[in-house]
């Protein structure tokens, strides 16, 4: 449906499971003020994000404005207003803090491609800790938005002339990738086929049957750099 599922979850206690960054919780109160289905907690799915106030594990005090991202891996709706489940650390880097018990947490559906949390507003849930919306947004900026899209690639086309007759052409293309397609041409423009080998990400070799000169056209594919 077009209306995002987002809410506030009131967890009395996050219980470490023994696995790094993983916690379980039971019978948490679920509050979705924009519930369009009437299903309440039954709409929550594994993969949703819980953004939780961080506490310093040494002092057990809340860190103002700092909220950490956890992914729900198991969910069990007891009734429309009650949810149990398991969450695992989904922040940038290693977990250094701990989730705050008893503080309202932001529960949010994620976008299908980048898995950004579709956060709720503090104006609707005024019992959220100060900075919950902005603090939760910052975690997504750091973890997802400020990193290159892993699915994006850059295509570069280059030509290299070989003016001396040789049966081994060495091309130092310096493109930082071993993913390429190379077309080979004799000095008169006639295309021919030969063995091509990536020496490393910046160099390739062409093994020509008979010594000749000519040129090569390469199409290089590489990840987009930040």
N, C-alpha and C. Protein backbone atom coordinates (compact mmCIF):
# COMPACT_ATOMS: atom_id res chain seq x y z
N UNK A 1 0.84 -1.19 0.00
CA UNK A 1 0.00 0.00 0.00
C UNK A 1 0.88 1.24 0.00
N UNK A 2 0.28 2.39 -0.36
CA UNK A 2 1.07 3.61 -0.52
C UNK A 2 1.44 4.27 0.80
N UNK A 3 0.67 4.03 1.86
CA UNK A 3 0.97 4.63 3.16
C UNK A 3 2.04 3.82 3.87
N UNK A 4 3.18 4.43 4.20
CA UNK A 4 4.24 3.67 4.88
C UNK A 4 3.78 3.17 6.24
N UNK A 5 4.29 2.02 6.61
CA UNK A 5 4.05 1.50 7.96
C UNK A 5 5.13 2.06 8.86
N UNK A 6 4.76 2.96 9.74
CA UNK A 6 5.71 3.45 10.74
C UNK A 6 4.98 3.73 12.03
N UNK A 7 5.69 3.64 13.13
CA UNK A 7 5.03 3.67 14.42
C UNK A 7 6.06 3.94 15.51
N UNK A 8 5.58 3.92 16.74
CA UNK A 8 6.46 3.97 17.90
C UNK A 8 6.29 2.67 18.66
N UNK A 9 7.40 2.12 19.11
CA UNK A 9 7.39 0.87 19.85
C UNK A 9 7.96 1.12 21.24
N UNK A 10 7.24 0.67 22.25
CA UNK A 10 7.64 0.88 23.63
C UNK A 10 8.15 -0.46 24.20
N UNK A 11 9.47 -0.59 24.26
CA UNK A 11 10.11 -1.84 24.69
C UNK A 11 10.60 -1.68 26.12
N UNK A 12 10.09 -2.51 27.00
CA UNK A 12 10.55 -2.44 28.39
C UNK A 12 12.00 -2.87 28.53
N UNK A 13 12.39 -3.94 27.80
CA UNK A 13 13.76 -4.44 27.93
C UNK A 13 14.20 -5.14 26.65
N UNK A 14 15.40 -4.75 26.19
CA UNK A 14 16.07 -5.46 25.11
C UNK A 14 17.01 -6.49 25.74
N UNK A 15 16.81 -7.74 25.43
CA UNK A 15 17.58 -8.81 26.04
C UNK A 15 18.61 -9.34 25.07
N UNK A 16 19.91 -9.23 25.37
CA UNK A 16 20.93 -9.77 24.48
C UNK A 16 20.73 -11.27 24.28
N UNK A 17 20.87 -11.74 23.05
CA UNK A 17 20.70 -13.16 22.75
C UNK A 17 22.00 -13.95 22.90
N UNK A 18 23.12 -13.24 23.00
CA UNK A 18 24.43 -13.88 23.02
C UNK A 18 25.17 -13.74 21.71
N UNK A 19 24.44 -13.40 20.65
CA UNK A 19 25.08 -13.11 19.37
C UNK A 19 25.39 -11.62 19.29
N UNK A 20 26.51 -11.22 18.67
CA UNK A 20 26.89 -9.81 18.64
C UNK A 20 25.79 -8.93 18.01
N UNK A 21 25.39 -7.91 18.75
CA UNK A 21 24.44 -6.94 18.24
C UNK A 21 23.01 -7.43 18.12
N UNK A 22 22.69 -8.57 18.69
CA UNK A 22 21.33 -9.12 18.56
C UNK A 22 20.60 -9.08 19.90
N UNK A 23 19.32 -8.69 19.85
CA UNK A 23 18.50 -8.57 21.06
C UNK A 23 17.10 -9.09 20.76
N UNK A 24 16.47 -9.62 21.79
CA UNK A 24 15.06 -9.98 21.69
C UNK A 24 14.25 -9.06 22.59
N UNK A 25 12.96 -8.96 22.30
CA UNK A 25 12.06 -8.19 23.15
C UNK A 25 10.69 -8.85 23.11
N UNK A 26 9.92 -8.66 24.16
CA UNK A 26 8.61 -9.29 24.24
C UNK A 26 7.56 -8.29 24.70
N UNK A 27 6.37 -8.47 24.17
CA UNK A 27 5.18 -7.72 24.60
C UNK A 27 5.40 -6.20 24.61
N UNK A 28 6.01 -5.69 23.54
CA UNK A 28 6.21 -4.25 23.41
C UNK A 28 4.92 -3.60 22.90
N UNK A 29 4.59 -2.46 23.44
CA UNK A 29 3.39 -1.73 23.01
C UNK A 29 3.65 -1.06 21.67
N UNK A 30 2.73 -1.26 20.72
CA UNK A 30 2.85 -0.76 19.36
C UNK A 30 1.81 0.33 19.13
N UNK A 31 2.26 1.47 18.59
CA UNK A 31 1.36 2.61 18.38
C UNK A 31 1.57 3.19 16.99
N UNK A 32 0.64 2.96 16.08
CA UNK A 32 0.69 3.51 14.73
C UNK A 32 -0.51 4.43 14.53
N UNK A 33 -0.26 5.74 14.57
CA UNK A 33 -1.33 6.72 14.46
C UNK A 33 -1.83 6.88 13.03
N UNK A 34 -1.08 6.35 12.04
CA UNK A 34 -1.51 6.45 10.63
C UNK A 34 -1.86 5.07 10.07
N UNK A 35 -2.35 4.20 10.92
CA UNK A 35 -2.72 2.85 10.51
C UNK A 35 -3.90 2.90 9.55
N UNK A 36 -3.68 2.53 8.28
CA UNK A 36 -4.74 2.56 7.28
C UNK A 36 -5.39 1.19 7.08
N UNK A 37 -4.76 0.14 7.60
CA UNK A 37 -5.29 -1.21 7.40
C UNK A 37 -6.11 -1.71 8.58
N UNK A 38 -5.85 -1.14 9.77
CA UNK A 38 -6.49 -1.64 10.97
C UNK A 38 -5.81 -2.88 11.53
N UNK A 39 -4.69 -3.26 10.92
CA UNK A 39 -3.99 -4.47 11.37
C UNK A 39 -3.03 -4.21 12.51
N UNK A 40 -2.66 -2.96 12.71
CA UNK A 40 -1.73 -2.65 13.78
C UNK A 40 -0.42 -3.40 13.65
N UNK A 41 0.00 -4.06 14.72
CA UNK A 41 1.29 -4.74 14.76
C UNK A 41 1.38 -5.89 13.76
N UNK A 42 0.25 -6.38 13.26
CA UNK A 42 0.28 -7.47 12.28
C UNK A 42 0.85 -7.02 10.93
N UNK A 43 0.98 -5.72 10.71
CA UNK A 43 1.58 -5.21 9.47
C UNK A 43 3.10 -5.23 9.51
N UNK A 44 3.70 -5.39 10.68
CA UNK A 44 5.15 -5.34 10.81
C UNK A 44 5.77 -6.61 10.24
N UNK A 45 6.85 -6.43 9.45
CA UNK A 45 7.50 -7.55 8.78
C UNK A 45 8.99 -7.59 9.14
N UNK A 46 9.61 -8.78 9.07
CA UNK A 46 11.07 -8.83 9.18
C UNK A 46 11.70 -7.94 8.11
N UNK A 47 12.76 -7.25 8.48
CA UNK A 47 13.40 -6.29 7.58
C UNK A 47 13.06 -4.86 7.92
N UNK A 48 11.97 -4.62 8.67
CA UNK A 48 11.68 -3.28 9.14
C UNK A 48 12.80 -2.83 10.08
N UNK A 49 12.91 -1.52 10.25
CA UNK A 49 13.98 -0.94 11.07
C UNK A 49 13.43 -0.41 12.39
N UNK A 50 14.19 -0.65 13.45
CA UNK A 50 13.89 -0.06 14.74
C UNK A 50 15.04 0.88 15.09
N UNK A 51 14.72 2.16 15.23
CA UNK A 51 15.72 3.16 15.58
C UNK A 51 15.59 3.46 17.07
N UNK A 52 16.65 3.16 17.82
CA UNK A 52 16.57 3.14 19.28
C UNK A 52 17.56 4.13 19.88
N UNK A 53 17.11 4.84 20.90
CA UNK A 53 17.99 5.72 21.68
C UNK A 53 19.20 4.93 22.17
N UNK A 54 20.39 5.51 22.00
CA UNK A 54 21.62 4.85 22.43
C UNK A 54 21.95 5.20 23.86
N UNK A 55 22.50 4.22 24.58
CA UNK A 55 23.00 4.49 25.92
C UNK A 55 24.46 4.07 25.99
N UNK A 56 25.19 4.76 26.84
CA UNK A 56 26.59 4.39 27.09
C UNK A 56 26.59 3.13 27.96
N UNK A 57 27.15 2.01 27.47
CA UNK A 57 27.10 0.78 28.27
C UNK A 57 27.90 0.85 29.56
N UNK A 58 28.81 1.80 29.66
CA UNK A 58 29.62 1.92 30.88
C UNK A 58 28.90 2.68 31.98
N UNK A 59 28.12 3.69 31.57
CA UNK A 59 27.44 4.52 32.57
C UNK A 59 25.94 4.30 32.59
N UNK A 60 25.42 3.58 31.58
CA UNK A 60 23.97 3.31 31.46
C UNK A 60 23.16 4.59 31.33
N UNK A 61 23.79 5.64 30.80
CA UNK A 61 23.07 6.90 30.60
C UNK A 61 22.82 7.12 29.11
N UNK A 62 21.70 7.76 28.80
CA UNK A 62 21.34 8.01 27.41
C UNK A 62 22.31 9.02 26.79
N UNK A 63 22.62 8.82 25.51
CA UNK A 63 23.47 9.74 24.77
C UNK A 63 22.56 10.66 23.97
N UNK A 64 22.49 11.94 24.31
CA UNK A 64 21.52 12.84 23.68
C UNK A 64 21.63 12.88 22.17
N UNK A 65 20.51 12.73 21.51
CA UNK A 65 20.44 12.87 20.06
C UNK A 65 21.00 11.71 19.25
N UNK A 66 21.48 10.66 19.92
CA UNK A 66 22.09 9.54 19.20
C UNK A 66 21.13 8.35 19.18
N UNK A 67 20.79 7.93 17.96
CA UNK A 67 19.87 6.81 17.77
C UNK A 67 20.51 5.82 16.82
N UNK A 68 20.42 4.54 17.18
CA UNK A 68 21.05 3.51 16.37
C UNK A 68 20.01 2.67 15.65
N UNK A 69 20.44 2.15 14.51
CA UNK A 69 19.57 1.41 13.60
C UNK A 69 19.73 -0.10 13.83
N UNK A 70 18.59 -0.76 14.05
CA UNK A 70 18.55 -2.21 14.18
C UNK A 70 17.52 -2.76 13.20
N UNK A 71 17.81 -3.95 12.67
CA UNK A 71 16.89 -4.58 11.71
C UNK A 71 16.11 -5.68 12.43
N UNK A 72 14.80 -5.69 12.22
CA UNK A 72 13.98 -6.76 12.78
C UNK A 72 14.17 -8.03 11.96
N UNK A 73 14.58 -9.11 12.61
CA UNK A 73 14.79 -10.38 11.91
C UNK A 73 13.66 -11.37 12.21
N UNK A 74 12.99 -11.19 13.33
CA UNK A 74 11.82 -12.00 13.67
C UNK A 74 10.77 -11.09 14.29
N UNK A 75 9.52 -11.31 13.93
CA UNK A 75 8.43 -10.53 14.52
C UNK A 75 7.28 -11.48 14.83
N UNK A 76 6.59 -11.19 15.91
CA UNK A 76 5.40 -11.96 16.30
C UNK A 76 4.41 -11.00 16.93
N UNK A 77 3.35 -10.68 16.20
CA UNK A 77 2.31 -9.81 16.72
C UNK A 77 1.41 -10.60 17.66
N UNK A 78 1.29 -10.14 18.88
CA UNK A 78 0.42 -10.80 19.86
C UNK A 78 -1.02 -10.39 19.62
N UNK A 79 -1.19 -9.11 19.36
CA UNK A 79 -2.48 -8.52 18.98
C UNK A 79 -2.14 -7.22 18.26
N UNK A 80 -3.10 -6.47 17.74
CA UNK A 80 -2.76 -5.26 16.98
C UNK A 80 -1.91 -4.24 17.74
N UNK A 81 -1.93 -4.29 19.08
CA UNK A 81 -1.18 -3.31 19.85
C UNK A 81 0.02 -3.86 20.58
N UNK A 82 0.40 -5.11 20.29
CA UNK A 82 1.50 -5.73 21.04
C UNK A 82 2.39 -6.52 20.09
N UNK A 83 3.72 -6.33 20.23
CA UNK A 83 4.67 -6.96 19.32
C UNK A 83 5.85 -7.54 20.09
N UNK A 84 6.26 -8.75 19.72
CA UNK A 84 7.50 -9.34 20.19
C UNK A 84 8.40 -9.57 18.99
N UNK A 85 9.71 -9.71 19.24
CA UNK A 85 10.57 -9.94 18.10
C UNK A 85 12.04 -10.02 18.46
N UNK A 86 12.85 -10.08 17.42
CA UNK A 86 14.31 -10.11 17.54
C UNK A 86 14.85 -9.06 16.58
N UNK A 87 15.86 -8.31 17.05
CA UNK A 87 16.49 -7.31 16.19
C UNK A 87 18.00 -7.50 16.22
N UNK A 88 18.65 -7.05 15.14
CA UNK A 88 20.10 -7.16 15.05
C UNK A 88 20.68 -5.83 14.59
N UNK A 89 21.86 -5.52 15.09
CA UNK A 89 22.55 -4.27 14.75
C UNK A 89 22.62 -4.08 13.24
N UNK A 90 22.24 -2.91 12.76
CA UNK A 90 22.26 -2.62 11.32
C UNK A 90 22.85 -1.23 11.08
N UNK A 91 23.68 -0.78 11.99
CA UNK A 91 24.31 0.53 11.85
C UNK A 91 25.60 0.45 11.06
N UNK A 92 26.24 1.60 10.91
CA UNK A 92 27.51 1.68 10.20
C UNK A 92 28.64 1.33 11.16
N UNK A 93 29.47 0.38 10.78
CA UNK A 93 30.56 -0.04 11.67
C UNK A 93 30.06 -0.99 12.74
N UNK A 94 30.84 -1.13 13.81
CA UNK A 94 30.50 -2.04 14.89
C UNK A 94 29.63 -1.35 15.94
N UNK A 95 28.84 -2.14 16.63
CA UNK A 95 28.02 -1.60 17.72
C UNK A 95 28.92 -1.27 18.90
N UNK A 96 28.88 -0.02 19.34
CA UNK A 96 29.68 0.42 20.47
C UNK A 96 28.83 0.77 21.68
N UNK A 97 27.56 1.12 21.44
CA UNK A 97 26.65 1.50 22.52
C UNK A 97 25.66 0.37 22.76
N UNK A 98 24.58 0.68 23.43
CA UNK A 98 23.54 -0.31 23.69
C UNK A 98 22.18 0.37 23.51
N UNK A 99 21.14 -0.41 23.19
CA UNK A 99 19.81 0.18 23.05
C UNK A 99 19.19 0.49 24.41
N UNK A 100 18.51 1.61 24.50
CA UNK A 100 17.94 2.05 25.77
C UNK A 100 16.65 1.30 26.08
N UNK A 101 16.58 0.72 27.25
CA UNK A 101 15.35 0.08 27.70
C UNK A 101 14.35 1.14 28.14
N UNK A 102 13.09 0.90 27.84
CA UNK A 102 12.02 1.76 28.34
C UNK A 102 11.79 3.04 27.58
N UNK A 103 12.66 3.38 26.62
CA UNK A 103 12.48 4.60 25.85
C UNK A 103 11.73 4.28 24.56
N UNK A 104 10.77 5.13 24.14
CA UNK A 104 10.07 4.88 22.88
C UNK A 104 11.05 4.83 21.72
N UNK A 105 10.87 3.86 20.84
CA UNK A 105 11.73 3.69 19.68
C UNK A 105 10.92 3.86 18.40
N UNK A 106 11.58 4.31 17.34
CA UNK A 106 10.92 4.52 16.05
C UNK A 106 10.97 3.21 15.25
N UNK A 107 9.80 2.72 14.87
CA UNK A 107 9.71 1.52 14.03
C UNK A 107 9.28 1.95 12.63
N UNK A 108 9.98 1.48 11.60
CA UNK A 108 9.71 1.98 10.26
C UNK A 108 9.89 0.92 9.20
N UNK A 109 8.97 0.93 8.24
CA UNK A 109 9.13 0.19 6.99
C UNK A 109 10.31 0.78 6.23
N UNK A 110 10.92 0.00 5.33
CA UNK A 110 12.06 0.50 4.56
C UNK A 110 11.72 0.57 3.08
N UNK A 111 12.47 1.41 2.37
CA UNK A 111 12.29 1.50 0.94
C UNK A 111 12.84 0.24 0.27
N UNK A 112 12.29 -0.14 -0.89
CA UNK A 112 12.66 -1.43 -1.48
C UNK A 112 14.08 -1.50 -2.01
N UNK A 113 14.67 -0.38 -2.44
CA UNK A 113 15.98 -0.46 -3.09
C UNK A 113 17.13 -0.21 -2.12
N UNK A 114 17.13 0.92 -1.47
CA UNK A 114 18.25 1.27 -0.58
C UNK A 114 17.97 0.94 0.88
N UNK A 115 16.75 0.53 1.20
CA UNK A 115 16.38 0.16 2.56
C UNK A 115 16.49 1.35 3.52
N UNK A 116 16.09 2.51 3.03
CA UNK A 116 16.00 3.68 3.90
C UNK A 116 14.78 3.55 4.79
N UNK A 117 14.91 3.96 6.04
CA UNK A 117 13.79 3.88 6.97
C UNK A 117 12.79 5.02 6.68
N UNK A 118 11.52 4.66 6.53
CA UNK A 118 10.46 5.64 6.30
C UNK A 118 9.96 6.09 7.66
N UNK A 119 10.65 7.08 8.21
CA UNK A 119 10.48 7.46 9.62
C UNK A 119 9.18 8.18 9.88
N UNK A 120 8.74 8.10 11.11
CA UNK A 120 7.59 8.86 11.56
C UNK A 120 8.03 10.22 12.10
N UNK A 121 7.08 11.02 12.55
CA UNK A 121 7.38 12.39 12.98
C UNK A 121 7.22 12.55 14.48
N UNK A 122 8.14 13.32 15.07
CA UNK A 122 8.03 13.65 16.49
C UNK A 122 6.82 14.54 16.77
N UNK A 123 6.33 15.22 15.73
CA UNK A 123 5.15 16.06 15.92
C UNK A 123 3.91 15.22 16.18
N UNK A 124 3.91 13.98 15.70
CA UNK A 124 2.78 13.09 15.93
C UNK A 124 2.96 12.32 17.23
N UNK A 125 4.17 11.89 17.49
CA UNK A 125 4.47 11.12 18.70
C UNK A 125 5.36 11.99 19.59
N UNK A 126 4.74 12.85 20.37
CA UNK A 126 5.52 13.83 21.13
C UNK A 126 6.17 13.24 22.38
N UNK A 127 6.00 11.93 22.61
CA UNK A 127 6.70 11.31 23.73
C UNK A 127 8.01 10.68 23.31
N UNK A 128 8.35 10.79 22.02
CA UNK A 128 9.65 10.30 21.57
C UNK A 128 10.77 11.11 22.21
N UNK A 129 11.93 10.51 22.45
CA UNK A 129 13.06 11.28 22.99
C UNK A 129 13.44 12.41 22.04
N UNK A 130 13.94 13.50 22.58
CA UNK A 130 14.33 14.65 21.77
C UNK A 130 15.34 14.24 20.71
N UNK A 131 15.11 14.68 19.48
CA UNK A 131 16.03 14.40 18.39
C UNK A 131 15.84 13.05 17.74
N UNK A 132 14.76 12.34 18.06
CA UNK A 132 14.57 10.98 17.54
C UNK A 132 14.49 10.97 16.01
N UNK A 133 13.72 11.88 15.44
CA UNK A 133 13.58 11.90 13.98
C UNK A 133 14.87 12.23 13.28
N UNK A 134 15.52 13.32 13.70
CA UNK A 134 16.75 13.75 13.06
C UNK A 134 17.88 12.76 13.33
N UNK A 135 17.96 12.26 14.55
CA UNK A 135 19.00 11.31 14.89
C UNK A 135 18.87 10.02 14.10
N UNK A 136 17.64 9.57 13.88
CA UNK A 136 17.41 8.36 13.08
C UNK A 136 17.78 8.60 11.63
N UNK A 137 17.46 9.78 11.13
CA UNK A 137 17.80 10.12 9.75
C UNK A 137 19.32 10.14 9.55
N UNK A 138 20.06 10.64 10.52
CA UNK A 138 21.52 10.70 10.40
C UNK A 138 22.14 9.32 10.23
N UNK A 139 21.55 8.30 10.89
CA UNK A 139 22.11 6.96 10.74
C UNK A 139 21.96 6.47 9.31
N UNK A 140 20.85 6.81 8.66
CA UNK A 140 20.66 6.40 7.26
C UNK A 140 21.60 7.15 6.34
N UNK A 141 21.84 8.43 6.63
CA UNK A 141 22.76 9.22 5.81
C UNK A 141 24.15 8.61 5.85
N UNK A 142 24.60 8.27 7.05
CA UNK A 142 25.96 7.72 7.21
C UNK A 142 26.08 6.32 6.64
N UNK A 143 25.09 5.47 6.91
CA UNK A 143 25.17 4.06 6.51
C UNK A 143 24.91 3.86 5.02
N UNK A 144 23.97 4.65 4.44
CA UNK A 144 23.48 4.36 3.09
C UNK A 144 23.72 5.49 2.10
N UNK A 145 23.27 6.69 2.42
CA UNK A 145 23.24 7.76 1.43
C UNK A 145 24.62 8.29 1.07
N UNK A 146 25.57 8.24 2.00
CA UNK A 146 26.89 8.81 1.73
C UNK A 146 27.87 7.77 1.21
N UNK A 147 27.35 6.68 0.66
CA UNK A 147 28.21 5.64 0.11
C UNK A 147 27.82 5.42 -1.35
N UNK A 148 28.78 4.96 -2.17
CA UNK A 148 28.45 4.75 -3.57
C UNK A 148 27.44 3.64 -3.74
N UNK A 149 26.64 3.77 -4.77
CA UNK A 149 25.67 2.74 -5.11
C UNK A 149 26.41 1.52 -5.64
N UNK A 150 26.32 0.40 -4.94
CA UNK A 150 27.07 -0.79 -5.34
C UNK A 150 26.61 -1.33 -6.69
N UNK A 151 25.38 -0.96 -7.08
CA UNK A 151 24.86 -1.46 -8.35
C UNK A 151 25.27 -0.58 -9.53
N UNK A 152 25.85 0.60 -9.25
CA UNK A 152 26.17 1.53 -10.31
C UNK A 152 27.56 1.25 -10.86
N UNK A 153 27.69 1.39 -12.19
CA UNK A 153 28.98 1.18 -12.83
C UNK A 153 29.26 2.32 -13.79
N UNK A 154 30.51 2.48 -14.12
CA UNK A 154 30.95 3.48 -15.08
C UNK A 154 31.58 2.76 -16.26
N UNK A 155 31.20 3.19 -17.46
CA UNK A 155 31.72 2.60 -18.69
C UNK A 155 32.72 3.57 -19.31
N UNK A 156 33.92 3.07 -19.61
CA UNK A 156 34.96 3.88 -20.23
C UNK A 156 35.41 3.18 -21.52
N UNK A 157 35.44 3.91 -22.63
CA UNK A 157 35.93 3.36 -23.90
C UNK A 157 37.25 4.02 -24.25
N UNK A 158 38.26 3.21 -24.57
CA UNK A 158 39.59 3.71 -24.90
C UNK A 158 40.12 3.00 -26.14
N UNK A 159 41.02 3.69 -26.84
CA UNK A 159 41.73 3.10 -27.98
C UNK A 159 43.23 3.14 -27.69
N UNK A 160 43.91 2.06 -28.09
CA UNK A 160 45.36 1.98 -27.92
C UNK A 160 45.98 1.55 -29.24
N UNK A 161 46.93 2.34 -29.76
CA UNK A 161 47.63 2.00 -31.00
C UNK A 161 48.93 1.26 -30.69
N UNK A 162 49.20 0.23 -31.47
CA UNK A 162 50.45 -0.52 -31.36
C UNK A 162 51.18 -0.39 -32.70
N UNK A 163 52.25 0.36 -32.73
CA UNK A 163 52.90 0.75 -33.98
C UNK A 163 54.02 -0.18 -34.41
N UNK A 164 54.42 -1.08 -33.55
CA UNK A 164 55.51 -2.00 -33.87
C UNK A 164 54.93 -3.41 -34.06
N UNK A 165 55.45 -4.13 -35.07
CA UNK A 165 55.03 -5.52 -35.25
C UNK A 165 55.48 -6.35 -34.05
N UNK A 166 54.52 -7.02 -33.46
CA UNK A 166 54.83 -7.84 -32.28
C UNK A 166 53.73 -8.88 -32.14
N UNK A 167 54.06 -10.00 -31.52
CA UNK A 167 53.02 -11.00 -31.27
C UNK A 167 52.52 -10.96 -29.82
N UNK A 168 52.93 -9.94 -29.08
CA UNK A 168 52.39 -9.70 -27.74
C UNK A 168 52.22 -8.19 -27.55
N UNK A 169 50.96 -7.78 -27.44
CA UNK A 169 50.67 -6.37 -27.20
C UNK A 169 50.43 -6.18 -25.70
N UNK A 170 51.09 -5.23 -25.09
CA UNK A 170 50.91 -4.89 -23.67
C UNK A 170 50.19 -3.55 -23.59
N UNK A 171 49.06 -3.53 -22.89
CA UNK A 171 48.27 -2.29 -22.79
C UNK A 171 48.17 -1.91 -21.31
N UNK A 172 48.82 -0.82 -20.94
CA UNK A 172 48.71 -0.26 -19.59
C UNK A 172 47.57 0.76 -19.62
N UNK A 173 46.36 0.31 -19.34
CA UNK A 173 45.17 1.18 -19.47
C UNK A 173 44.88 1.95 -18.19
N UNK A 174 45.30 1.48 -17.02
CA UNK A 174 45.17 2.17 -15.73
C UNK A 174 43.72 2.51 -15.39
N UNK A 175 42.82 1.59 -15.65
CA UNK A 175 41.41 1.82 -15.34
C UNK A 175 40.97 1.18 -14.02
N UNK A 176 41.84 0.43 -13.40
CA UNK A 176 41.51 -0.14 -12.09
C UNK A 176 40.40 -1.18 -12.14
N UNK A 177 40.32 -1.95 -13.24
CA UNK A 177 39.30 -2.98 -13.35
C UNK A 177 39.81 -4.10 -14.26
N UNK A 178 39.35 -5.31 -13.97
CA UNK A 178 39.65 -6.45 -14.84
C UNK A 178 38.41 -6.87 -15.62
N UNK A 179 37.39 -6.02 -15.61
CA UNK A 179 36.17 -6.29 -16.37
C UNK A 179 36.20 -5.43 -17.63
N UNK A 180 36.35 -6.07 -18.77
CA UNK A 180 36.47 -5.31 -20.02
C UNK A 180 36.12 -6.20 -21.21
N UNK A 181 35.88 -5.54 -22.34
CA UNK A 181 35.76 -6.19 -23.64
C UNK A 181 36.72 -5.49 -24.58
N UNK A 182 37.50 -6.25 -25.33
CA UNK A 182 38.51 -5.67 -26.22
C UNK A 182 38.26 -6.15 -27.64
N UNK A 183 38.22 -5.21 -28.58
CA UNK A 183 38.16 -5.52 -30.01
C UNK A 183 39.51 -5.18 -30.63
N UNK A 184 40.02 -6.09 -31.49
CA UNK A 184 41.36 -5.97 -32.04
C UNK A 184 41.29 -5.73 -33.55
N UNK A 185 42.17 -4.83 -34.04
CA UNK A 185 42.17 -4.47 -35.45
C UNK A 185 43.60 -4.45 -35.98
N UNK A 186 43.77 -4.97 -37.18
CA UNK A 186 45.06 -4.93 -37.85
C UNK A 186 45.34 -3.51 -38.32
N UNK A 187 46.53 -3.27 -38.81
CA UNK A 187 46.93 -1.93 -39.25
C UNK A 187 46.04 -1.39 -40.36
N UNK A 188 45.39 -2.29 -41.15
CA UNK A 188 44.53 -1.83 -42.24
C UNK A 188 43.06 -1.74 -41.83
N UNK A 189 42.78 -1.91 -40.54
CA UNK A 189 41.42 -1.80 -40.05
C UNK A 189 40.64 -3.10 -40.03
N UNK A 190 41.28 -4.20 -40.41
CA UNK A 190 40.62 -5.50 -40.40
C UNK A 190 40.57 -6.06 -38.98
N UNK A 191 39.37 -6.40 -38.54
CA UNK A 191 39.25 -6.95 -37.20
C UNK A 191 39.78 -8.38 -37.15
N UNK A 192 40.46 -8.71 -36.07
CA UNK A 192 40.90 -10.09 -35.87
C UNK A 192 40.68 -10.47 -34.42
N UNK A 193 40.85 -11.73 -34.14
CA UNK A 193 40.58 -12.24 -32.80
C UNK A 193 41.84 -12.91 -32.26
N UNK A 194 42.08 -12.69 -30.98
CA UNK A 194 43.27 -13.23 -30.33
C UNK A 194 42.99 -13.37 -28.84
N UNK A 195 43.88 -14.06 -28.16
CA UNK A 195 43.73 -14.22 -26.72
C UNK A 195 44.04 -12.93 -25.98
N UNK A 196 43.18 -12.59 -25.01
CA UNK A 196 43.37 -11.38 -24.20
C UNK A 196 43.36 -11.79 -22.73
N UNK A 197 44.31 -11.30 -21.98
CA UNK A 197 44.45 -11.67 -20.57
C UNK A 197 44.63 -10.42 -19.72
N UNK A 198 43.90 -10.36 -18.60
CA UNK A 198 44.10 -9.28 -17.63
C UNK A 198 45.32 -9.62 -16.78
N UNK A 199 46.34 -8.79 -16.84
CA UNK A 199 47.52 -8.98 -15.99
C UNK A 199 47.16 -8.58 -14.56
N UNK A 200 46.52 -7.41 -14.44
CA UNK A 200 45.97 -6.93 -13.18
C UNK A 200 44.89 -5.90 -13.54
N UNK A 201 44.45 -5.12 -12.57
CA UNK A 201 43.39 -4.17 -12.83
C UNK A 201 43.78 -3.01 -13.72
N UNK A 202 45.09 -2.86 -14.00
CA UNK A 202 45.54 -1.72 -14.80
C UNK A 202 46.25 -2.12 -16.09
N UNK A 203 46.40 -3.43 -16.35
CA UNK A 203 47.17 -3.85 -17.52
C UNK A 203 46.55 -5.10 -18.12
N UNK A 204 46.59 -5.20 -19.46
CA UNK A 204 46.16 -6.41 -20.14
C UNK A 204 47.17 -6.79 -21.22
N UNK A 205 47.13 -8.05 -21.62
CA UNK A 205 48.00 -8.59 -22.66
C UNK A 205 47.15 -9.13 -23.80
N UNK A 206 47.62 -8.93 -25.03
CA UNK A 206 47.01 -9.51 -26.22
C UNK A 206 48.05 -10.42 -26.87
N UNK A 207 47.65 -11.66 -27.12
CA UNK A 207 48.57 -12.64 -27.71
C UNK A 207 48.20 -12.82 -29.19
N UNK A 208 49.02 -12.26 -30.08
CA UNK A 208 48.75 -12.25 -31.52
C UNK A 208 49.47 -13.44 -32.17
N UNK A 209 48.76 -14.14 -33.08
CA UNK A 209 49.32 -15.35 -33.70
C UNK A 209 50.57 -15.04 -34.52
N UNK A 210 50.53 -13.97 -35.32
CA UNK A 210 51.65 -13.55 -36.14
C UNK A 210 52.01 -12.12 -35.77
N UNK A 211 53.28 -11.80 -35.69
CA UNK A 211 53.66 -10.42 -35.35
C UNK A 211 53.00 -9.42 -36.29
N UNK A 212 52.34 -8.42 -35.72
CA UNK A 212 51.67 -7.41 -36.51
C UNK A 212 51.53 -6.15 -35.68
N UNK A 213 51.14 -5.07 -36.34
CA UNK A 213 50.80 -3.85 -35.62
C UNK A 213 49.37 -3.47 -35.96
N UNK A 214 48.79 -2.64 -35.13
CA UNK A 214 47.39 -2.26 -35.32
C UNK A 214 46.90 -1.50 -34.10
N UNK A 215 45.67 -1.75 -33.72
CA UNK A 215 45.13 -1.02 -32.56
C UNK A 215 44.06 -1.87 -31.87
N UNK A 216 43.77 -1.51 -30.65
CA UNK A 216 42.75 -2.19 -29.84
C UNK A 216 41.79 -1.13 -29.29
N UNK A 217 40.53 -1.52 -29.22
CA UNK A 217 39.49 -0.68 -28.61
C UNK A 217 38.93 -1.44 -27.41
N UNK A 218 39.01 -0.82 -26.25
CA UNK A 218 38.56 -1.48 -25.03
C UNK A 218 37.39 -0.76 -24.39
N UNK A 219 36.44 -1.54 -23.89
CA UNK A 219 35.32 -1.01 -23.10
C UNK A 219 35.50 -1.55 -21.69
N UNK A 220 35.76 -0.64 -20.75
CA UNK A 220 36.07 -1.01 -19.38
C UNK A 220 34.89 -0.66 -18.48
N UNK A 221 34.53 -1.62 -17.62
CA UNK A 221 33.41 -1.44 -16.69
C UNK A 221 33.96 -1.43 -15.28
N UNK A 222 33.62 -0.38 -14.53
CA UNK A 222 34.13 -0.30 -13.16
C UNK A 222 33.12 0.38 -12.26
N UNK A 223 33.16 0.10 -10.95
CA UNK A 223 32.21 0.71 -10.02
C UNK A 223 32.35 2.22 -9.98
N UNK A 224 31.22 2.89 -9.72
CA UNK A 224 31.25 4.34 -9.54
C UNK A 224 31.98 4.65 -8.24
N UNK A 225 32.87 5.61 -8.29
CA UNK A 225 33.62 6.02 -7.09
C UNK A 225 32.87 7.14 -6.38
N UNK A 226 32.94 7.19 -5.04
CA UNK A 226 32.25 8.25 -4.30
C UNK A 226 32.84 9.62 -4.60
